[in-house]
Amino acid sequence: MTTPVSESLALQSLAARLEGQQARLPSSTRLPNRLADAASVSQSVTELGLLIAEMGQAIHTRIALEPAPEHMLRTAWTYGEVVDRIGQAASALGAVTDQLATITHIAPLRGRPDADQALATANQVIEEAVATAHSEFAEARRSIRTAVSIIDAQQARVEAARARSTGDLPRAAPYTQAAAVATPVSPSLVRSH
């Protein structure tokens, strides 16, 4: 069985993976515009599909326990939300590859008003789809950060309650150089003694 600490670490690891995955996505400053770009976009779709499958298994593992501890349920819910967000990102990237195929098909007809309009529309769809993919990644990471803060806060409360119930003294604040500097004694106090 996992602990709140291990669940928090698992979520933080997932956030780091998502950040790395997002870095490999097309960017708004360098939009894909030719069929050759579809290879890297489709590779991202494949990687996202594998990640979704992995998270699906992680959700199943956590909810299979009866009753599942709250920190495990929180992680499972978060994975579910991330799956939804990453699925939306993968769908947006699928739209990118579709539009790249459209551009390749219509490009030889460039100069005709209908072809130029179709190319402009395809480029606009690509721009919006790339922005959507990045937005979904950002929301997924935000959900993870929220879950981590909730799990960590709950664990801190449990540890504080455990310390009170066993009569342990709270941990001392970490030693800092500022804490070691003595407060100057007022000369008037010295004279009054």
N, C-alpha and C. Protein backbone atom coordinates (compact mmCIF):
# COMPACT_ATOMS: atom_id res chain seq x y z
N MET A 1 0.84 -1.19 0.00
CA MET A 1 0.00 0.00 0.00
C MET A 1 0.88 1.24 0.00
N THR A 2 0.44 2.25 -0.70
CA THR A 2 1.22 3.48 -0.78
C THR A 2 0.95 4.37 0.43
N THR A 3 1.81 5.35 0.59
CA THR A 3 1.65 6.33 1.66
C THR A 3 1.35 7.69 1.04
N PRO A 4 0.89 8.65 1.84
CA PRO A 4 0.69 9.99 1.29
C PRO A 4 1.97 10.55 0.67
N VAL A 5 3.10 10.29 1.30
CA VAL A 5 4.36 10.80 0.77
C VAL A 5 4.65 10.17 -0.60
N SER A 6 4.46 8.87 -0.73
CA SER A 6 4.74 8.22 -2.02
C SER A 6 3.76 8.67 -3.09
N GLU A 7 2.52 8.92 -2.70
CA GLU A 7 1.54 9.42 -3.69
C GLU A 7 1.90 10.83 -4.14
N SER A 8 2.31 11.66 -3.20
CA SER A 8 2.73 13.02 -3.54
C SER A 8 3.92 12.98 -4.50
N LEU A 9 4.88 12.11 -4.22
CA LEU A 9 6.05 11.98 -5.09
C LEU A 9 5.66 11.45 -6.47
N ALA A 10 4.72 10.51 -6.52
CA ALA A 10 4.27 9.96 -7.80
C ALA A 10 3.62 11.06 -8.65
N LEU A 11 2.83 11.90 -8.01
CA LEU A 11 2.18 13.00 -8.74
C LEU A 11 3.22 14.01 -9.22
N GLN A 12 4.20 14.32 -8.38
CA GLN A 12 5.24 15.26 -8.79
C GLN A 12 6.06 14.70 -9.96
N SER A 13 6.30 13.40 -9.95
CA SER A 13 7.00 12.76 -11.05
C SER A 13 6.18 12.85 -12.34
N LEU A 14 4.87 12.67 -12.21
CA LEU A 14 3.99 12.79 -13.38
C LEU A 14 4.03 14.21 -13.93
N ALA A 15 4.01 15.20 -13.05
CA ALA A 15 4.07 16.59 -13.50
C ALA A 15 5.35 16.85 -14.28
N ALA A 16 6.47 16.29 -13.82
CA ALA A 16 7.75 16.46 -14.52
C ALA A 16 7.70 15.79 -15.89
N ARG A 17 7.09 14.62 -15.95
CA ARG A 17 6.96 13.92 -17.25
C ARG A 17 6.12 14.74 -18.22
N LEU A 18 5.03 15.33 -17.71
CA LEU A 18 4.18 16.14 -18.57
C LEU A 18 4.92 17.36 -19.08
N GLU A 19 5.74 17.95 -18.22
CA GLU A 19 6.52 19.11 -18.64
C GLU A 19 7.47 18.73 -19.77
N GLY A 20 8.13 17.58 -19.63
CA GLY A 20 9.02 17.11 -20.68
C GLY A 20 8.27 16.81 -21.97
N GLN A 21 7.09 16.21 -21.84
CA GLN A 21 6.28 15.88 -23.01
C GLN A 21 5.81 17.16 -23.71
N GLN A 22 5.39 18.14 -22.92
CA GLN A 22 4.92 19.39 -23.52
C GLN A 22 6.05 20.10 -24.27
N ALA A 23 7.26 19.98 -23.77
CA ALA A 23 8.40 20.63 -24.44
C ALA A 23 8.62 20.08 -25.84
N ARG A 24 8.14 18.86 -26.10
CA ARG A 24 8.32 18.26 -27.43
C ARG A 24 7.16 18.58 -28.39
N LEU A 25 6.15 19.28 -27.89
CA LEU A 25 5.02 19.64 -28.75
C LEU A 25 5.42 20.78 -29.69
N PRO A 26 4.69 20.91 -30.81
CA PRO A 26 4.91 22.10 -31.65
C PRO A 26 4.62 23.35 -30.82
N SER A 27 5.25 24.46 -31.16
CA SER A 27 5.01 25.69 -30.41
C SER A 27 4.30 26.71 -31.29
N SER A 28 3.76 27.73 -30.65
CA SER A 28 3.05 28.76 -31.40
C SER A 28 4.00 29.57 -32.27
N THR A 29 5.29 29.55 -31.92
CA THR A 29 6.26 30.29 -32.72
C THR A 29 6.82 29.45 -33.87
N ARG A 30 6.58 28.14 -33.80
CA ARG A 30 7.07 27.25 -34.86
C ARG A 30 6.00 26.21 -35.15
N LEU A 31 4.95 26.66 -35.83
CA LEU A 31 3.82 25.78 -36.12
C LEU A 31 4.19 24.81 -37.24
N PRO A 32 3.70 23.57 -37.14
CA PRO A 32 3.93 22.63 -38.25
C PRO A 32 3.18 23.11 -39.49
N ASN A 33 3.81 23.02 -40.65
CA ASN A 33 3.16 23.53 -41.87
C ASN A 33 3.40 22.64 -43.08
N ARG A 34 3.97 21.45 -42.85
CA ARG A 34 4.18 20.54 -43.97
C ARG A 34 3.98 19.12 -43.48
N LEU A 35 3.75 18.23 -44.43
CA LEU A 35 3.42 16.85 -44.07
C LEU A 35 4.55 16.19 -43.27
N ALA A 36 5.81 16.58 -43.53
CA ALA A 36 6.92 15.98 -42.79
C ALA A 36 6.80 16.26 -41.29
N ASP A 37 6.19 17.39 -40.93
CA ASP A 37 6.01 17.72 -39.51
C ASP A 37 5.04 16.76 -38.83
N ALA A 38 4.21 16.11 -39.64
CA ALA A 38 3.21 15.19 -39.07
C ALA A 38 3.88 14.02 -38.36
N ALA A 39 5.10 13.65 -38.76
CA ALA A 39 5.78 12.52 -38.13
C ALA A 39 6.05 12.81 -36.66
N SER A 40 6.58 14.00 -36.35
CA SER A 40 6.86 14.32 -34.94
C SER A 40 5.56 14.52 -34.16
N VAL A 41 4.55 15.09 -34.80
CA VAL A 41 3.27 15.29 -34.12
C VAL A 41 2.63 13.94 -33.81
N SER A 42 2.69 13.03 -34.77
CA SER A 42 2.09 11.70 -34.53
C SER A 42 2.87 10.93 -33.48
N GLN A 43 4.18 11.17 -33.39
CA GLN A 43 4.97 10.54 -32.33
C GLN A 43 4.50 11.03 -30.96
N SER A 44 4.19 12.31 -30.86
CA SER A 44 3.66 12.85 -29.61
C SER A 44 2.32 12.21 -29.27
N VAL A 45 1.48 12.03 -30.28
CA VAL A 45 0.18 11.37 -30.05
C VAL A 45 0.39 9.97 -29.52
N THR A 46 1.34 9.24 -30.10
CA THR A 46 1.64 7.88 -29.64
C THR A 46 2.10 7.88 -28.19
N GLU A 47 3.01 8.80 -27.86
CA GLU A 47 3.53 8.88 -26.48
C GLU A 47 2.42 9.24 -25.50
N LEU A 48 1.52 10.12 -25.91
CA LEU A 48 0.40 10.48 -25.03
C LEU A 48 -0.53 9.30 -24.84
N GLY A 49 -0.74 8.52 -25.89
CA GLY A 49 -1.57 7.33 -25.76
C GLY A 49 -0.99 6.34 -24.77
N LEU A 50 0.32 6.16 -24.82
CA LEU A 50 0.98 5.25 -23.86
C LEU A 50 0.87 5.78 -22.44
N LEU A 51 1.02 7.09 -22.29
CA LEU A 51 0.90 7.70 -20.96
C LEU A 51 -0.52 7.55 -20.42
N ILE A 52 -1.51 7.73 -21.28
CA ILE A 52 -2.90 7.57 -20.86
C ILE A 52 -3.15 6.13 -20.40
N ALA A 53 -2.63 5.17 -21.15
CA ALA A 53 -2.80 3.76 -20.76
C ALA A 53 -2.14 3.49 -19.41
N GLU A 54 -0.97 4.06 -19.20
CA GLU A 54 -0.26 3.88 -17.93
C GLU A 54 -1.05 4.48 -16.77
N MET A 55 -1.59 5.66 -16.99
CA MET A 55 -2.38 6.30 -15.92
C MET A 55 -3.68 5.54 -15.66
N GLY A 56 -4.25 4.97 -16.72
CA GLY A 56 -5.45 4.16 -16.53
C GLY A 56 -5.18 2.98 -15.61
N GLN A 57 -4.02 2.35 -15.80
CA GLN A 57 -3.64 1.23 -14.94
C GLN A 57 -3.41 1.72 -13.51
N ALA A 58 -2.79 2.90 -13.37
CA ALA A 58 -2.54 3.46 -12.03
C ALA A 58 -3.86 3.78 -11.32
N ILE A 59 -4.83 4.26 -12.06
CA ILE A 59 -6.15 4.53 -11.46
C ILE A 59 -6.76 3.23 -10.97
N HIS A 60 -6.72 2.21 -11.83
CA HIS A 60 -7.30 0.91 -11.47
C HIS A 60 -6.66 0.35 -10.20
N THR A 61 -5.33 0.44 -10.12
CA THR A 61 -4.62 -0.08 -8.95
C THR A 61 -5.09 0.59 -7.67
N ARG A 62 -5.33 1.90 -7.74
CA ARG A 62 -5.69 2.65 -6.55
C ARG A 62 -7.14 2.46 -6.12
N ILE A 63 -8.04 2.32 -7.09
CA ILE A 63 -9.45 2.18 -6.70
C ILE A 63 -9.84 0.73 -6.45
N ALA A 64 -8.94 -0.21 -6.76
CA ALA A 64 -9.24 -1.62 -6.55
C ALA A 64 -9.24 -1.97 -5.06
N LEU A 65 -8.55 -1.17 -4.26
CA LEU A 65 -8.51 -1.43 -2.82
C LEU A 65 -9.84 -1.05 -2.18
N GLU A 66 -10.30 -1.85 -1.26
CA GLU A 66 -11.54 -1.57 -0.54
C GLU A 66 -11.30 -1.63 0.95
N PRO A 67 -11.48 -0.56 1.68
CA PRO A 67 -11.67 0.81 1.18
C PRO A 67 -10.31 1.44 0.88
N ALA A 68 -10.29 2.25 -0.16
CA ALA A 68 -9.04 2.91 -0.53
C ALA A 68 -8.82 4.11 0.38
N PRO A 69 -7.59 4.31 0.86
CA PRO A 69 -7.30 5.49 1.68
C PRO A 69 -7.53 6.77 0.88
N GLU A 70 -7.79 7.84 1.60
CA GLU A 70 -8.14 9.10 0.94
C GLU A 70 -7.03 9.60 0.02
N HIS A 71 -5.76 9.44 0.43
CA HIS A 71 -4.67 9.94 -0.42
C HIS A 71 -4.59 9.17 -1.74
N MET A 72 -4.95 7.89 -1.71
CA MET A 72 -4.94 7.11 -2.95
C MET A 72 -6.10 7.50 -3.85
N LEU A 73 -7.25 7.77 -3.24
CA LEU A 73 -8.39 8.23 -4.04
C LEU A 73 -8.11 9.58 -4.66
N ARG A 74 -7.48 10.46 -3.89
CA ARG A 74 -7.14 11.79 -4.42
C ARG A 74 -6.22 11.64 -5.64
N THR A 75 -5.25 10.75 -5.55
CA THR A 75 -4.34 10.53 -6.67
C THR A 75 -5.09 9.95 -7.86
N ALA A 76 -5.97 8.99 -7.60
CA ALA A 76 -6.75 8.39 -8.69
C ALA A 76 -7.61 9.44 -9.39
N TRP A 77 -8.27 10.29 -8.62
CA TRP A 77 -9.09 11.36 -9.22
C TRP A 77 -8.23 12.29 -10.06
N THR A 78 -7.05 12.60 -9.55
CA THR A 78 -6.16 13.50 -10.28
C THR A 78 -5.69 12.85 -11.57
N TYR A 79 -5.32 11.56 -11.49
CA TYR A 79 -4.94 10.86 -12.72
C TYR A 79 -6.09 10.89 -13.72
N GLY A 80 -7.30 10.71 -13.24
CA GLY A 80 -8.46 10.75 -14.13
C GLY A 80 -8.59 12.09 -14.83
N GLU A 81 -8.38 13.17 -14.07
CA GLU A 81 -8.46 14.49 -14.68
C GLU A 81 -7.33 14.70 -15.68
N VAL A 82 -6.14 14.21 -15.34
CA VAL A 82 -5.01 14.34 -16.26
C VAL A 82 -5.27 13.53 -17.54
N VAL A 83 -5.84 12.35 -17.41
CA VAL A 83 -6.18 11.54 -18.59
C VAL A 83 -7.12 12.34 -19.49
N ASP A 84 -8.11 12.99 -18.90
CA ASP A 84 -9.05 13.79 -19.69
C ASP A 84 -8.30 14.92 -20.42
N ARG A 85 -7.45 15.64 -19.70
CA ARG A 85 -6.71 16.75 -20.30
C ARG A 85 -5.76 16.28 -21.40
N ILE A 86 -5.03 15.20 -21.13
CA ILE A 86 -4.08 14.70 -22.11
C ILE A 86 -4.81 14.11 -23.31
N GLY A 87 -5.97 13.53 -23.07
CA GLY A 87 -6.79 13.04 -24.18
C GLY A 87 -7.22 14.18 -25.10
N GLN A 88 -7.58 15.32 -24.48
CA GLN A 88 -7.95 16.50 -25.28
C GLN A 88 -6.74 17.01 -26.06
N ALA A 89 -5.57 16.99 -25.43
CA ALA A 89 -4.35 17.42 -26.12
C ALA A 89 -4.05 16.49 -27.30
N ALA A 90 -4.18 15.18 -27.08
CA ALA A 90 -3.94 14.21 -28.16
C ALA A 90 -4.92 14.42 -29.31
N SER A 91 -6.18 14.71 -28.96
CA SER A 91 -7.18 14.98 -29.99
C SER A 91 -6.81 16.22 -30.80
N ALA A 92 -6.34 17.26 -30.11
CA ALA A 92 -5.92 18.47 -30.81
C ALA A 92 -4.75 18.18 -31.75
N LEU A 93 -3.81 17.36 -31.29
CA LEU A 93 -2.68 17.01 -32.15
C LEU A 93 -3.13 16.16 -33.34
N GLY A 94 -4.15 15.34 -33.13
CA GLY A 94 -4.74 14.59 -34.25
C GLY A 94 -5.30 15.54 -35.30
N ALA A 95 -5.93 16.63 -34.85
CA ALA A 95 -6.44 17.64 -35.79
C ALA A 95 -5.30 18.29 -36.56
N VAL A 96 -4.15 18.47 -35.90
CA VAL A 96 -2.99 19.05 -36.58
C VAL A 96 -2.55 18.15 -37.73
N THR A 97 -2.42 16.85 -37.47
CA THR A 97 -1.99 15.95 -38.54
C THR A 97 -3.00 15.90 -39.68
N ASP A 98 -4.28 15.98 -39.34
CA ASP A 98 -5.32 16.00 -40.37
C ASP A 98 -5.18 17.23 -41.26
N GLN A 99 -4.95 18.38 -40.63
CA GLN A 99 -4.82 19.62 -41.41
C GLN A 99 -3.53 19.66 -42.22
N LEU A 100 -2.46 19.03 -41.71
CA LEU A 100 -1.23 18.96 -42.49
C LEU A 100 -1.45 18.16 -43.77
N ALA A 101 -2.25 17.09 -43.68
CA ALA A 101 -2.58 16.32 -44.88
C ALA A 101 -3.39 17.17 -45.85
N THR A 102 -4.30 17.97 -45.32
CA THR A 102 -5.11 18.86 -46.16
C THR A 102 -4.22 19.87 -46.88
N ILE A 103 -3.26 20.45 -46.14
CA ILE A 103 -2.35 21.43 -46.75
C ILE A 103 -1.56 20.78 -47.89
N THR A 104 -1.05 19.58 -47.66
CA THR A 104 -0.27 18.88 -48.68
C THR A 104 -1.11 18.63 -49.93
N HIS A 105 -2.38 18.28 -49.72
CA HIS A 105 -3.28 17.97 -50.84
C HIS A 105 -3.63 19.22 -51.64
N ILE A 106 -3.81 20.34 -50.94
CA ILE A 106 -4.31 21.55 -51.60
C ILE A 106 -3.18 22.45 -52.11
N ALA A 107 -1.98 22.30 -51.54
CA ALA A 107 -0.87 23.21 -51.89
C ALA A 107 -0.64 23.36 -53.39
N PRO A 108 -0.73 22.28 -54.19
CA PRO A 108 -0.51 22.46 -55.64
C PRO A 108 -1.55 23.38 -56.30
N LEU A 109 -2.67 23.60 -55.63
CA LEU A 109 -3.73 24.45 -56.20
C LEU A 109 -3.63 25.89 -55.71
N ARG A 110 -2.54 26.21 -54.99
CA ARG A 110 -2.37 27.54 -54.44
C ARG A 110 -2.55 28.60 -55.55
N GLY A 111 -3.21 29.69 -55.21
CA GLY A 111 -3.48 30.75 -56.19
C GLY A 111 -4.95 30.79 -56.57
N ARG A 112 -5.63 29.67 -56.45
CA ARG A 112 -7.07 29.67 -56.67
C ARG A 112 -7.75 30.15 -55.39
N PRO A 113 -8.77 30.98 -55.50
CA PRO A 113 -9.40 31.54 -54.29
C PRO A 113 -9.90 30.48 -53.31
N ASP A 114 -10.52 29.42 -53.83
CA ASP A 114 -11.04 28.40 -52.91
C ASP A 114 -9.90 27.64 -52.24
N ALA A 115 -8.81 27.40 -52.98
CA ALA A 115 -7.67 26.69 -52.40
C ALA A 115 -6.98 27.57 -51.35
N ASP A 116 -6.81 28.85 -51.67
CA ASP A 116 -6.18 29.75 -50.71
C ASP A 116 -6.99 29.86 -49.43
N GLN A 117 -8.32 29.88 -49.57
CA GLN A 117 -9.18 29.94 -48.39
C GLN A 117 -9.05 28.67 -47.56
N ALA A 118 -9.00 27.52 -48.22
CA ALA A 118 -8.86 26.25 -47.52
C ALA A 118 -7.51 26.18 -46.80
N LEU A 119 -6.44 26.68 -47.44
CA LEU A 119 -5.13 26.69 -46.81
C LEU A 119 -5.12 27.62 -45.58
N ALA A 120 -5.75 28.77 -45.70
CA ALA A 120 -5.81 29.71 -44.57
C ALA A 120 -6.57 29.09 -43.41
N THR A 121 -7.66 28.39 -43.73
CA THR A 121 -8.45 27.73 -42.69
C THR A 121 -7.65 26.62 -42.02
N ALA A 122 -6.95 25.84 -42.82
CA ALA A 122 -6.14 24.75 -42.26
C ALA A 122 -5.07 25.29 -41.32
N ASN A 123 -4.42 26.37 -41.72
CA ASN A 123 -3.39 26.97 -40.86
C ASN A 123 -3.98 27.52 -39.57
N GLN A 124 -5.18 28.08 -39.66
CA GLN A 124 -5.83 28.59 -38.46
C GLN A 124 -6.20 27.45 -37.51
N VAL A 125 -6.69 26.35 -38.07
CA VAL A 125 -7.03 25.18 -37.24
C VAL A 125 -5.78 24.65 -36.55
N ILE A 126 -4.67 24.59 -37.28
CA ILE A 126 -3.42 24.11 -36.69
C ILE A 126 -3.00 25.02 -35.53
N GLU A 127 -3.06 26.32 -35.74
CA GLU A 127 -2.66 27.27 -34.69
C GLU A 127 -3.53 27.08 -33.44
N GLU A 128 -4.84 26.97 -33.64
CA GLU A 128 -5.75 26.80 -32.50
C GLU A 128 -5.54 25.45 -31.81
N ALA A 129 -5.28 24.41 -32.60
CA ALA A 129 -5.08 23.07 -32.03
C ALA A 129 -3.81 23.01 -31.20
N VAL A 130 -2.75 23.64 -31.68
CA VAL A 130 -1.49 23.66 -30.91
C VAL A 130 -1.71 24.42 -29.60
N ALA A 131 -2.40 25.55 -29.68
CA ALA A 131 -2.69 26.32 -28.46
C ALA A 131 -3.53 25.50 -27.48
N THR A 132 -4.49 24.75 -28.00
CA THR A 132 -5.32 23.90 -27.15
C THR A 132 -4.49 22.83 -26.46
N ALA A 133 -3.59 22.20 -27.20
CA ALA A 133 -2.75 21.15 -26.61
C ALA A 133 -1.93 21.71 -25.45
N HIS A 134 -1.32 22.87 -25.66
CA HIS A 134 -0.52 23.48 -24.59
C HIS A 134 -1.38 23.87 -23.39
N SER A 135 -2.57 24.38 -23.67
CA SER A 135 -3.47 24.77 -22.59
C SER A 135 -3.89 23.56 -21.76
N GLU A 136 -4.17 22.44 -22.42
CA GLU A 136 -4.58 21.23 -21.70
C GLU A 136 -3.43 20.71 -20.83
N PHE A 137 -2.21 20.78 -21.32
CA PHE A 137 -1.06 20.38 -20.52
C PHE A 137 -0.92 21.27 -19.28
N ALA A 138 -1.11 22.57 -19.48
CA ALA A 138 -1.00 23.50 -18.36
C ALA A 138 -2.06 23.20 -17.31
N GLU A 139 -3.28 22.92 -17.74
CA GLU A 139 -4.36 22.59 -16.80
C GLU A 139 -4.08 21.28 -16.08
N ALA A 140 -3.52 20.32 -16.79
CA ALA A 140 -3.19 19.03 -16.16
C ALA A 140 -2.16 19.23 -15.06
N ARG A 141 -1.14 20.03 -15.33
CA ARG A 141 -0.11 20.27 -14.31
C ARG A 141 -0.68 21.07 -13.14
N ARG A 142 -1.60 21.97 -13.41
CA ARG A 142 -2.24 22.74 -12.33
C ARG A 142 -3.05 21.80 -11.43
N SER A 143 -3.75 20.84 -12.01
CA SER A 143 -4.51 19.87 -11.23
C SER A 143 -3.58 19.04 -10.34
N ILE A 144 -2.44 18.66 -10.89
CA ILE A 144 -1.48 17.87 -10.12
C ILE A 144 -0.95 18.69 -8.95
N ARG A 145 -0.58 19.95 -9.20
CA ARG A 145 -0.07 20.80 -8.11
C ARG A 145 -1.10 20.94 -6.99
N THR A 146 -2.37 21.09 -7.36
CA THR A 146 -3.44 21.20 -6.36
C THR A 146 -3.54 19.93 -5.53
N ALA A 147 -3.51 18.79 -6.20
CA ALA A 147 -3.62 17.51 -5.49
C ALA A 147 -2.43 17.31 -4.55
N VAL A 148 -1.23 17.64 -5.02
CA VAL A 148 -0.04 17.49 -4.18
C VAL A 148 -0.17 18.37 -2.93
N SER A 149 -0.62 19.59 -3.10
CA SER A 149 -0.74 20.48 -1.94
C SER A 149 -1.77 19.97 -0.95
N ILE A 150 -2.85 19.37 -1.45
CA ILE A 150 -3.88 18.82 -0.56
C ILE A 150 -3.34 17.61 0.19
N ILE A 151 -2.69 16.70 -0.53
CA ILE A 151 -2.14 15.49 0.11
C ILE A 151 -1.08 15.88 1.14
N ASP A 152 -0.19 16.81 0.77
CA ASP A 152 0.87 17.23 1.70
C ASP A 152 0.29 17.89 2.95
N ALA A 153 -0.75 18.72 2.77
CA ALA A 153 -1.37 19.40 3.91
C ALA A 153 -2.05 18.38 4.82
N GLN A 154 -2.73 17.40 4.23
CA GLN A 154 -3.38 16.36 5.05
C GLN A 154 -2.34 15.57 5.83
N GLN A 155 -1.22 15.25 5.19
CA GLN A 155 -0.17 14.50 5.87
C GLN A 155 0.42 15.31 7.01
N ALA A 156 0.60 16.61 6.81
CA ALA A 156 1.15 17.46 7.86
C ALA A 156 0.19 17.50 9.05
N ARG A 157 -1.12 17.56 8.79
CA ARG A 157 -2.10 17.55 9.89
C ARG A 157 -2.08 16.23 10.64
N VAL A 158 -1.96 15.13 9.92
CA VAL A 158 -1.90 13.81 10.56
C VAL A 158 -0.67 13.71 11.45
N GLU A 159 0.47 14.17 10.94
CA GLU A 159 1.70 14.10 11.73
C GLU A 159 1.61 14.99 12.96
N ALA A 160 1.00 16.17 12.82
CA ALA A 160 0.85 17.07 13.97
C ALA A 160 -0.06 16.44 15.02
N ALA A 161 -1.16 15.81 14.57
CA ALA A 161 -2.07 15.16 15.51
C ALA A 161 -1.40 13.99 16.20
N ARG A 162 -0.60 13.23 15.44
CA ARG A 162 0.12 12.10 16.03
C ARG A 162 1.11 12.58 17.09
N ALA A 163 1.78 13.69 16.80
CA ALA A 163 2.75 14.24 17.76
C ALA A 163 2.05 14.69 19.04
N ARG A 164 0.87 15.31 18.89
CA ARG A 164 0.13 15.76 20.08
C ARG A 164 -0.36 14.58 20.90
N SER A 165 -0.81 13.52 20.21
CA SER A 165 -1.38 12.38 20.94
C SER A 165 -0.32 11.58 21.68
N THR A 166 0.91 11.60 21.18
CA THR A 166 1.97 10.85 21.86
C THR A 166 2.77 11.73 22.80
N GLY A 167 2.42 13.00 22.86
CA GLY A 167 3.10 13.91 23.76
C GLY A 167 4.45 14.35 23.26
N ASP A 168 4.75 14.08 22.00
CA ASP A 168 6.02 14.53 21.44
C ASP A 168 6.02 16.04 21.32
N LEU A 169 7.18 16.60 21.52
CA LEU A 169 7.31 18.04 21.32
C LEU A 169 7.39 18.30 19.83
N PRO A 170 6.84 19.44 19.39
CA PRO A 170 6.98 19.77 17.97
C PRO A 170 8.44 19.94 17.60
N ARG A 171 8.73 19.65 16.35
CA ARG A 171 10.11 19.77 15.88
C ARG A 171 10.55 21.23 15.96
N ALA A 172 11.81 21.42 16.35
CA ALA A 172 12.34 22.77 16.43
C ALA A 172 12.51 23.32 15.02
N ALA A 173 12.39 24.64 14.94
CA ALA A 173 12.60 25.28 13.64
C ALA A 173 14.05 25.08 13.23
N PRO A 174 14.29 24.98 11.92
CA PRO A 174 15.67 24.77 11.47
C PRO A 174 16.57 25.91 11.94
N TYR A 175 17.81 25.55 12.29
CA TYR A 175 18.78 26.53 12.75
C TYR A 175 19.15 27.47 11.62
N THR A 176 19.09 28.73 11.87
CA THR A 176 19.54 29.71 10.89
C THR A 176 20.51 30.66 11.55
N GLN A 177 21.34 31.26 10.74
CA GLN A 177 22.32 32.19 11.29
C GLN A 177 21.61 33.36 11.95
N ALA A 178 20.49 33.80 11.38
CA ALA A 178 19.76 34.93 11.95
C ALA A 178 19.28 34.60 13.35
N ALA A 179 18.90 33.33 13.58
CA ALA A 179 18.39 32.95 14.90
C ALA A 179 19.50 32.97 15.94
N ALA A 180 20.74 32.85 15.49
CA ALA A 180 21.85 32.79 16.43
C ALA A 180 22.32 34.17 16.86
N VAL A 181 21.88 35.20 16.14
CA VAL A 181 22.31 36.55 16.50
C VAL A 181 21.50 37.02 17.70
N ALA A 182 22.18 37.37 18.78
CA ALA A 182 21.48 37.79 20.00
C ALA A 182 20.89 39.17 19.81
N THR A 183 19.75 39.40 20.43
CA THR A 183 19.15 40.73 20.41
C THR A 183 19.93 41.63 21.35
N PRO A 184 20.31 42.82 20.89
CA PRO A 184 21.10 43.69 21.75
C PRO A 184 20.33 44.04 23.02
N VAL A 185 21.03 44.10 24.15
CA VAL A 185 20.40 44.45 25.43
C VAL A 185 20.42 45.96 25.56
N SER A 186 19.28 46.51 25.95
CA SER A 186 19.18 47.96 26.11
C SER A 186 20.05 48.42 27.27
N PRO A 187 20.87 49.47 27.08
CA PRO A 187 21.71 49.98 28.17
C PRO A 187 20.89 50.40 29.39
N SER A 188 19.68 50.90 29.18
CA SER A 188 18.85 51.33 30.31
C SER A 188 18.47 50.15 31.18
N LEU A 189 18.26 48.97 30.55
CA LEU A 189 17.92 47.78 31.33
C LEU A 189 19.10 47.33 32.17
N VAL A 190 20.30 47.46 31.60
CA VAL A 190 21.50 47.05 32.32
C VAL A 190 21.70 47.97 33.53
N ARG A 191 21.51 49.29 33.36
CA ARG A 191 21.70 50.22 34.46
C ARG A 191 20.66 50.02 35.55
N SER A 192 19.43 49.61 35.18
CA SER A 192 18.38 49.50 36.19
C SER A 192 18.64 48.34 37.12
N HIS A 193 19.49 47.38 36.70
CA HIS A 193 19.79 46.26 37.58
C HIS A 193 21.00 46.63 38.37
